[in-house]
Amino acid sequence: MIPQTESALITTLFEMSGITPEKVQQQLTELANNAAQPLILFWDIKDFVQATTFSRKFLEDHILTDPRIQQYERQREKGGKRVWLKEPTAKVLQEIIMNEWL
């Protein structure tokens, strides 16, 4: 049967290609969720604590002393607030926890 409307024709072509309304909805939802995420370039010790649920002391003693983490640490002045580049330190943190701990 030949679709009667342009909309029906487009729907038929999409379905023949494996593109369903559910897949389109899923992709749109993912795009919207990703766009809604704020772009965070840096994080501080409070963000580390919140992301890992480890105590500040534990992080200071076991994570932040790692040279792979320290290379991304920045501090405006001695005694000032420390921040780390978020993306690379998050990857290193995951590597430490998943590959180096028992």
Foldseek 3Di string as FASTA:
>chain_A
DDDDDPVVVVQVVCVVVVNHPVNVVVVVVVVVVVVPDDDDFKDFLVVVCVVPVDDSVCCVVPPCVDPQFVVQWDAPDVVGTIIGGPPSSVVVVCCCVVPVDD
